[in-house]
Amino acid sequence: MSIVIHHNPDCGTSRNVLEMIKQSGEEPIVIEYLKEGWTRPQLQALFAAADLTPRQALRTSKSPAEELGLLDESVSNEALLDAMLEHPVLVNRPIVCSPKGVKLCRPSEEVLPLLANELSEFVKEDGERVK
């Protein structure tokens, strides 16, 4: 099984995670979910595998979550999933799937346990050193 990254190229964290995967020697399958969108079964499977609820996976900043009224704790998981299907940007990213598991990789270092090969060092876009 290959590594799969659900990626947003406009997101620095997502770009860092993608580059970390590549520097580990993997050539991941890149899914640009803002272009492709999501399906309900896909989101449910990703969230289950990553041990996340829709609320935990909800992107609350730089997304329409607040204006859509999704930040209220009374909003159900089903309603959050419906909104995520209509507005893919509501799903926090990047989500990475590997033979070692599935994770929402925020911060980008969260990807390290999913990699087959260790990185000796990585420098993020902002200059921060990892490892």
N, C-alpha and C. Protein backbone atom coordinates (compact mmCIF):
# COMPACT_ATOMS: atom_id res chain seq x y z
N MET A 1 0.85 -1.19 0.00
CA MET A 1 0.00 0.00 0.00
C MET A 1 0.88 1.24 0.00
N SER A 2 0.52 2.19 -0.79
CA SER A 2 1.23 3.46 -0.86
C SER A 2 0.74 4.42 0.20
N ILE A 3 1.47 5.49 0.36
CA ILE A 3 1.01 6.59 1.21
C ILE A 3 0.09 7.46 0.37
N VAL A 4 -1.02 7.87 0.98
CA VAL A 4 -1.97 8.77 0.34
C VAL A 4 -2.07 10.02 1.20
N ILE A 5 -2.00 11.17 0.55
CA ILE A 5 -2.18 12.43 1.27
C ILE A 5 -3.36 13.17 0.66
N HIS A 6 -4.29 13.54 1.52
CA HIS A 6 -5.42 14.39 1.13
C HIS A 6 -4.90 15.81 1.34
N HIS A 7 -4.62 16.48 0.25
CA HIS A 7 -3.73 17.63 0.21
C HIS A 7 -4.42 18.88 -0.30
N ASN A 8 -4.02 20.02 0.27
CA ASN A 8 -4.40 21.32 -0.24
C ASN A 8 -3.10 22.06 -0.55
N PRO A 9 -2.77 22.28 -1.81
CA PRO A 9 -1.51 22.91 -2.16
C PRO A 9 -1.39 24.36 -1.68
N ASP A 10 -2.48 24.97 -1.27
CA ASP A 10 -2.44 26.33 -0.75
C ASP A 10 -2.13 26.38 0.75
N CYS A 11 -1.99 25.23 1.38
CA CYS A 11 -1.77 25.13 2.83
C CYS A 11 -0.31 24.79 3.11
N GLY A 12 0.37 25.64 3.88
CA GLY A 12 1.77 25.41 4.22
C GLY A 12 1.99 24.11 4.96
N THR A 13 1.12 23.77 5.90
CA THR A 13 1.26 22.52 6.63
C THR A 13 1.15 21.35 5.68
N SER A 14 0.20 21.41 4.78
CA SER A 14 0.01 20.33 3.82
C SER A 14 1.23 20.21 2.89
N ARG A 15 1.76 21.33 2.46
CA ARG A 15 2.96 21.30 1.60
C ARG A 15 4.15 20.71 2.36
N ASN A 16 4.31 21.08 3.64
CA ASN A 16 5.40 20.52 4.44
C ASN A 16 5.26 19.02 4.58
N VAL A 17 4.05 18.54 4.88
CA VAL A 17 3.82 17.10 5.03
C VAL A 17 4.13 16.37 3.73
N LEU A 18 3.68 16.90 2.62
CA LEU A 18 3.95 16.28 1.33
C LEU A 18 5.46 16.17 1.09
N GLU A 19 6.17 17.24 1.38
CA GLU A 19 7.62 17.22 1.17
C GLU A 19 8.32 16.26 2.13
N MET A 20 7.83 16.15 3.36
CA MET A 20 8.40 15.19 4.32
C MET A 20 8.23 13.76 3.81
N ILE A 21 7.05 13.48 3.27
CA ILE A 21 6.79 12.15 2.72
C ILE A 21 7.77 11.87 1.58
N LYS A 22 7.92 12.83 0.68
CA LYS A 22 8.82 12.65 -0.46
C LYS A 22 10.27 12.49 -0.01
N GLN A 23 10.69 13.28 0.98
CA GLN A 23 12.07 13.17 1.45
C GLN A 23 12.33 11.86 2.19
N SER A 24 11.26 11.20 2.62
CA SER A 24 11.43 9.90 3.27
C SER A 24 11.62 8.79 2.24
N GLY A 25 11.52 9.15 0.96
CA GLY A 25 11.72 8.17 -0.10
C GLY A 25 10.43 7.63 -0.71
N GLU A 26 9.30 8.13 -0.26
CA GLU A 26 8.01 7.69 -0.79
C GLU A 26 7.53 8.64 -1.89
N GLU A 27 6.79 8.11 -2.84
CA GLU A 27 6.12 8.94 -3.83
C GLU A 27 4.62 8.75 -3.58
N PRO A 28 4.02 9.67 -2.81
CA PRO A 28 2.64 9.47 -2.37
C PRO A 28 1.62 9.69 -3.49
N ILE A 29 0.47 9.12 -3.27
CA ILE A 29 -0.70 9.44 -4.08
C ILE A 29 -1.26 10.73 -3.49
N VAL A 30 -1.39 11.74 -4.30
CA VAL A 30 -1.85 13.06 -3.85
C VAL A 30 -3.29 13.27 -4.30
N ILE A 31 -4.16 13.47 -3.34
CA ILE A 31 -5.56 13.75 -3.64
C ILE A 31 -5.85 15.20 -3.25
N GLU A 32 -6.08 16.02 -4.25
CA GLU A 32 -6.43 17.42 -3.99
C GLU A 32 -7.94 17.47 -3.74
N TYR A 33 -8.30 17.34 -2.48
CA TYR A 33 -9.71 17.17 -2.12
C TYR A 33 -10.57 18.39 -2.41
N LEU A 34 -9.95 19.57 -2.51
CA LEU A 34 -10.76 20.74 -2.86
C LEU A 34 -11.26 20.66 -4.29
N LYS A 35 -10.50 19.99 -5.16
CA LYS A 35 -10.91 19.79 -6.55
C LYS A 35 -11.82 18.58 -6.68
N GLU A 36 -11.46 17.49 -5.99
CA GLU A 36 -12.17 16.22 -6.15
C GLU A 36 -13.39 16.10 -5.25
N GLY A 37 -13.39 16.81 -4.14
CA GLY A 37 -14.48 16.70 -3.18
C GLY A 37 -14.37 15.42 -2.36
N TRP A 38 -15.39 15.19 -1.57
CA TRP A 38 -15.43 14.02 -0.68
C TRP A 38 -16.71 13.25 -0.93
N THR A 39 -16.72 12.00 -0.52
CA THR A 39 -17.97 11.24 -0.42
C THR A 39 -18.20 10.96 1.05
N ARG A 40 -19.43 10.75 1.42
CA ARG A 40 -19.74 10.44 2.83
C ARG A 40 -19.01 9.18 3.28
N PRO A 41 -19.06 8.07 2.52
CA PRO A 41 -18.33 6.87 2.97
C PRO A 41 -16.82 7.12 3.10
N GLN A 42 -16.27 7.92 2.22
CA GLN A 42 -14.84 8.23 2.28
C GLN A 42 -14.51 8.97 3.57
N LEU A 43 -15.27 10.02 3.88
CA LEU A 43 -15.03 10.76 5.11
C LEU A 43 -15.24 9.89 6.34
N GLN A 44 -16.30 9.12 6.34
CA GLN A 44 -16.57 8.26 7.49
C GLN A 44 -15.43 7.27 7.70
N ALA A 45 -14.92 6.70 6.63
CA ALA A 45 -13.83 5.74 6.75
C ALA A 45 -12.54 6.42 7.22
N LEU A 46 -12.22 7.58 6.66
CA LEU A 46 -11.02 8.31 7.09
C LEU A 46 -11.11 8.70 8.56
N PHE A 47 -12.23 9.23 8.97
CA PHE A 47 -12.39 9.65 10.35
C PHE A 47 -12.32 8.45 11.30
N ALA A 48 -12.94 7.35 10.93
CA ALA A 48 -12.90 6.15 11.77
C ALA A 48 -11.46 5.64 11.89
N ALA A 49 -10.75 5.59 10.78
CA ALA A 49 -9.37 5.08 10.78
C ALA A 49 -8.45 5.99 11.58
N ALA A 50 -8.71 7.30 11.56
CA ALA A 50 -7.89 8.26 12.28
C ALA A 50 -8.39 8.50 13.70
N ASP A 51 -9.46 7.83 14.08
CA ASP A 51 -10.08 7.98 15.39
C ASP A 51 -10.48 9.44 15.65
N LEU A 52 -11.13 10.02 14.64
CA LEU A 52 -11.61 11.40 14.72
C LEU A 52 -13.12 11.43 14.59
N THR A 53 -13.72 12.40 15.24
CA THR A 53 -15.12 12.69 14.99
C THR A 53 -15.17 13.80 13.93
N PRO A 54 -16.30 13.98 13.27
CA PRO A 54 -16.40 15.11 12.35
C PRO A 54 -16.08 16.45 13.02
N ARG A 55 -16.48 16.60 14.29
CA ARG A 55 -16.17 17.85 15.00
C ARG A 55 -14.66 18.04 15.15
N GLN A 56 -13.94 16.96 15.47
CA GLN A 56 -12.48 17.05 15.62
C GLN A 56 -11.78 17.34 14.29
N ALA A 57 -12.39 16.93 13.19
CA ALA A 57 -11.81 17.13 11.87
C ALA A 57 -12.26 18.43 11.22
N LEU A 58 -13.13 19.17 11.88
CA LEU A 58 -13.68 20.41 11.32
C LEU A 58 -12.63 21.51 11.32
N ARG A 59 -12.40 22.09 10.18
CA ARG A 59 -11.50 23.24 10.08
C ARG A 59 -12.29 24.47 10.48
N THR A 60 -11.86 25.12 11.56
CA THR A 60 -12.62 26.24 12.09
C THR A 60 -12.06 27.59 11.68
N SER A 61 -10.77 27.63 11.31
CA SER A 61 -10.20 28.91 10.88
C SER A 61 -10.04 28.88 9.36
N LYS A 62 -10.12 30.05 8.77
CA LYS A 62 -9.99 30.17 7.31
C LYS A 62 -10.92 29.21 6.57
N SER A 63 -12.13 29.10 7.10
CA SER A 63 -13.16 28.27 6.47
C SER A 63 -14.51 28.92 6.78
N PRO A 64 -15.56 28.49 6.11
CA PRO A 64 -16.88 29.07 6.38
C PRO A 64 -17.59 28.46 7.59
N ALA A 65 -16.88 27.75 8.46
CA ALA A 65 -17.51 27.05 9.59
C ALA A 65 -18.35 27.98 10.46
N GLU A 66 -17.79 29.11 10.82
CA GLU A 66 -18.52 30.03 11.70
C GLU A 66 -19.75 30.60 11.01
N GLU A 67 -19.58 31.08 9.78
CA GLU A 67 -20.72 31.69 9.09
C GLU A 67 -21.82 30.68 8.79
N LEU A 68 -21.46 29.39 8.71
CA LEU A 68 -22.46 28.34 8.49
C LEU A 68 -23.09 27.85 9.80
N GLY A 69 -22.66 28.43 10.91
CA GLY A 69 -23.21 28.05 12.21
C GLY A 69 -22.76 26.69 12.71
N LEU A 70 -21.60 26.23 12.26
CA LEU A 70 -21.14 24.88 12.59
C LEU A 70 -20.33 24.80 13.88
N LEU A 71 -20.01 25.94 14.47
CA LEU A 71 -19.18 25.92 15.67
C LEU A 71 -19.99 25.62 16.93
N ASP A 72 -21.30 25.75 16.85
CA ASP A 72 -22.16 25.45 17.99
C ASP A 72 -22.09 23.95 18.28
N GLU A 73 -21.85 23.61 19.53
CA GLU A 73 -21.71 22.20 19.94
C GLU A 73 -22.98 21.38 19.69
N SER A 74 -24.12 22.05 19.50
CA SER A 74 -25.37 21.31 19.27
C SER A 74 -25.47 20.78 17.84
N VAL A 75 -24.59 21.22 16.94
CA VAL A 75 -24.61 20.75 15.55
C VAL A 75 -24.18 19.28 15.54
N SER A 76 -25.01 18.44 14.95
CA SER A 76 -24.74 16.98 14.95
C SER A 76 -23.60 16.60 14.01
N ASN A 77 -23.05 15.41 14.25
CA ASN A 77 -22.02 14.88 13.36
C ASN A 77 -22.55 14.73 11.94
N GLU A 78 -23.80 14.32 11.80
CA GLU A 78 -24.40 14.16 10.48
C GLU A 78 -24.48 15.50 9.75
N ALA A 79 -24.86 16.56 10.49
CA ALA A 79 -24.93 17.88 9.89
C ALA A 79 -23.53 18.37 9.50
N LEU A 80 -22.54 18.06 10.33
CA LEU A 80 -21.17 18.44 9.99
C LEU A 80 -20.70 17.71 8.73
N LEU A 81 -21.01 16.42 8.64
CA LEU A 81 -20.66 15.66 7.43
C LEU A 81 -21.34 16.24 6.20
N ASP A 82 -22.62 16.57 6.31
CA ASP A 82 -23.34 17.19 5.19
C ASP A 82 -22.63 18.46 4.74
N ALA A 83 -22.24 19.30 5.70
CA ALA A 83 -21.57 20.56 5.37
C ALA A 83 -20.21 20.30 4.73
N MET A 84 -19.48 19.29 5.21
CA MET A 84 -18.16 18.95 4.65
C MET A 84 -18.28 18.46 3.22
N LEU A 85 -19.36 17.77 2.92
CA LEU A 85 -19.58 17.31 1.55
C LEU A 85 -19.87 18.49 0.62
N GLU A 86 -20.61 19.46 1.13
CA GLU A 86 -20.95 20.64 0.33
C GLU A 86 -19.78 21.63 0.23
N HIS A 87 -18.98 21.70 1.30
CA HIS A 87 -17.85 22.62 1.39
C HIS A 87 -16.60 21.84 1.81
N PRO A 88 -15.90 21.23 0.87
CA PRO A 88 -14.74 20.38 1.21
C PRO A 88 -13.67 21.08 2.06
N VAL A 89 -13.58 22.40 1.98
CA VAL A 89 -12.59 23.14 2.75
C VAL A 89 -12.82 23.02 4.26
N LEU A 90 -14.00 22.56 4.66
CA LEU A 90 -14.30 22.41 6.08
C LEU A 90 -13.54 21.26 6.74
N VAL A 91 -12.94 20.39 5.94
CA VAL A 91 -12.18 19.27 6.50
C VAL A 91 -10.75 19.74 6.72
N ASN A 92 -10.30 19.61 7.96
CA ASN A 92 -8.93 20.00 8.28
C ASN A 92 -7.96 19.10 7.54
N ARG A 93 -6.78 19.59 7.26
CA ARG A 93 -5.83 18.84 6.44
C ARG A 93 -4.43 19.08 6.94
N PRO A 94 -3.53 18.25 6.43
CA PRO A 94 -3.70 17.11 5.53
C PRO A 94 -4.03 15.84 6.31
N ILE A 95 -4.78 14.97 5.69
CA ILE A 95 -5.02 13.64 6.24
C ILE A 95 -4.15 12.69 5.43
N VAL A 96 -3.35 11.89 6.15
CA VAL A 96 -2.41 10.98 5.50
C VAL A 96 -2.77 9.55 5.88
N CYS A 97 -2.79 8.69 4.86
CA CYS A 97 -3.05 7.26 5.04
C CYS A 97 -1.78 6.51 4.65
N SER A 98 -1.32 5.62 5.51
CA SER A 98 -0.14 4.82 5.20
C SER A 98 -0.35 3.43 5.78
N PRO A 99 0.53 2.48 5.44
CA PRO A 99 0.41 1.16 6.04
C PRO A 99 0.50 1.19 7.57
N LYS A 100 1.03 2.28 8.12
CA LYS A 100 1.19 2.42 9.58
C LYS A 100 0.00 3.11 10.25
N GLY A 101 -0.97 3.56 9.46
CA GLY A 101 -2.13 4.20 10.06
C GLY A 101 -2.63 5.40 9.27
N VAL A 102 -3.60 6.08 9.86
CA VAL A 102 -4.22 7.26 9.26
C VAL A 102 -4.21 8.36 10.31
N LYS A 103 -3.80 9.56 9.89
CA LYS A 103 -3.73 10.68 10.82
C LYS A 103 -4.06 11.99 10.14
N LEU A 104 -4.63 12.88 10.94
CA LEU A 104 -4.69 14.29 10.58
C LEU A 104 -3.35 14.86 11.01
N CYS A 105 -2.56 15.30 10.07
CA CYS A 105 -1.17 15.67 10.34
C CYS A 105 -1.00 17.17 10.57
N ARG A 106 -1.54 17.63 11.67
CA ARG A 106 -1.37 18.99 12.15
C ARG A 106 -0.93 18.89 13.58
N PRO A 107 0.24 19.32 13.92
CA PRO A 107 1.27 19.91 13.08
C PRO A 107 1.89 18.87 12.15
N SER A 108 2.70 19.35 11.25
CA SER A 108 3.24 18.48 10.20
C SER A 108 4.07 17.32 10.74
N GLU A 109 4.65 17.46 11.92
CA GLU A 109 5.45 16.37 12.52
C GLU A 109 4.61 15.12 12.80
N GLU A 110 3.31 15.27 12.83
CA GLU A 110 2.42 14.12 13.07
C GLU A 110 2.58 13.05 12.00
N VAL A 111 3.14 13.40 10.85
CA VAL A 111 3.32 12.42 9.77
C VAL A 111 4.48 11.47 10.06
N LEU A 112 5.41 11.86 10.89
CA LEU A 112 6.63 11.07 11.09
C LEU A 112 6.37 9.61 11.45
N PRO A 113 5.46 9.30 12.38
CA PRO A 113 5.22 7.88 12.71
C PRO A 113 4.60 7.07 11.56
N LEU A 114 4.07 7.76 10.54
CA LEU A 114 3.44 7.07 9.42
C LEU A 114 4.43 6.73 8.31
N LEU A 115 5.64 7.24 8.40
CA LEU A 115 6.63 7.05 7.35
C LEU A 115 7.39 5.74 7.53
N ALA A 116 7.72 5.10 6.43
CA ALA A 116 8.50 3.86 6.46
C ALA A 116 9.95 4.13 6.82
N ASN A 117 10.47 5.27 6.38
CA ASN A 117 11.87 5.62 6.62
C ASN A 117 11.94 6.91 7.42
N GLU A 118 12.86 6.96 8.37
CA GLU A 118 13.04 8.16 9.18
C GLU A 118 13.70 9.27 8.37
N LEU A 119 13.38 10.49 8.73
CA LEU A 119 14.04 11.65 8.15
C LEU A 119 15.19 12.03 9.07
N SER A 120 16.35 12.33 8.51
CA SER A 120 17.45 12.77 9.36
C SER A 120 17.19 14.19 9.86
N GLU A 121 16.66 15.01 8.99
CA GLU A 121 16.30 16.37 9.36
C GLU A 121 15.39 16.91 8.26
N PHE A 122 14.52 17.83 8.65
CA PHE A 122 13.65 18.48 7.68
C PHE A 122 13.51 19.93 8.10
N VAL A 123 13.55 20.83 7.13
CA VAL A 123 13.35 22.24 7.40
C VAL A 123 12.03 22.65 6.75
N LYS A 124 11.11 23.11 7.59
CA LYS A 124 9.81 23.56 7.10
C LYS A 124 9.95 24.84 6.29
N GLU A 125 8.90 25.17 5.57
CA GLU A 125 8.89 26.39 4.76
C GLU A 125 9.22 27.63 5.57
N ASP A 126 8.81 27.64 6.84
CA ASP A 126 9.05 28.82 7.68
C ASP A 126 10.44 28.82 8.34
N GLY A 127 11.25 27.79 8.03
CA GLY A 127 12.61 27.70 8.56
C GLY A 127 12.74 26.86 9.81
N GLU A 128 11.63 26.42 10.40
CA GLU A 128 11.69 25.58 11.59
C GLU A 128 12.28 24.22 11.23
N ARG A 129 13.18 23.75 12.08
CA ARG A 129 13.82 22.45 11.87
C ARG A 129 13.05 21.36 12.61
N VAL A 130 12.88 20.22 11.93
CA VAL A 130 12.21 19.06 12.51
C VAL A 130 13.25 17.99 12.71
N LYS A 131 13.28 17.39 13.87
CA LYS A 131 14.19 16.30 14.29
C LYS A 131 15.47 16.81 14.70
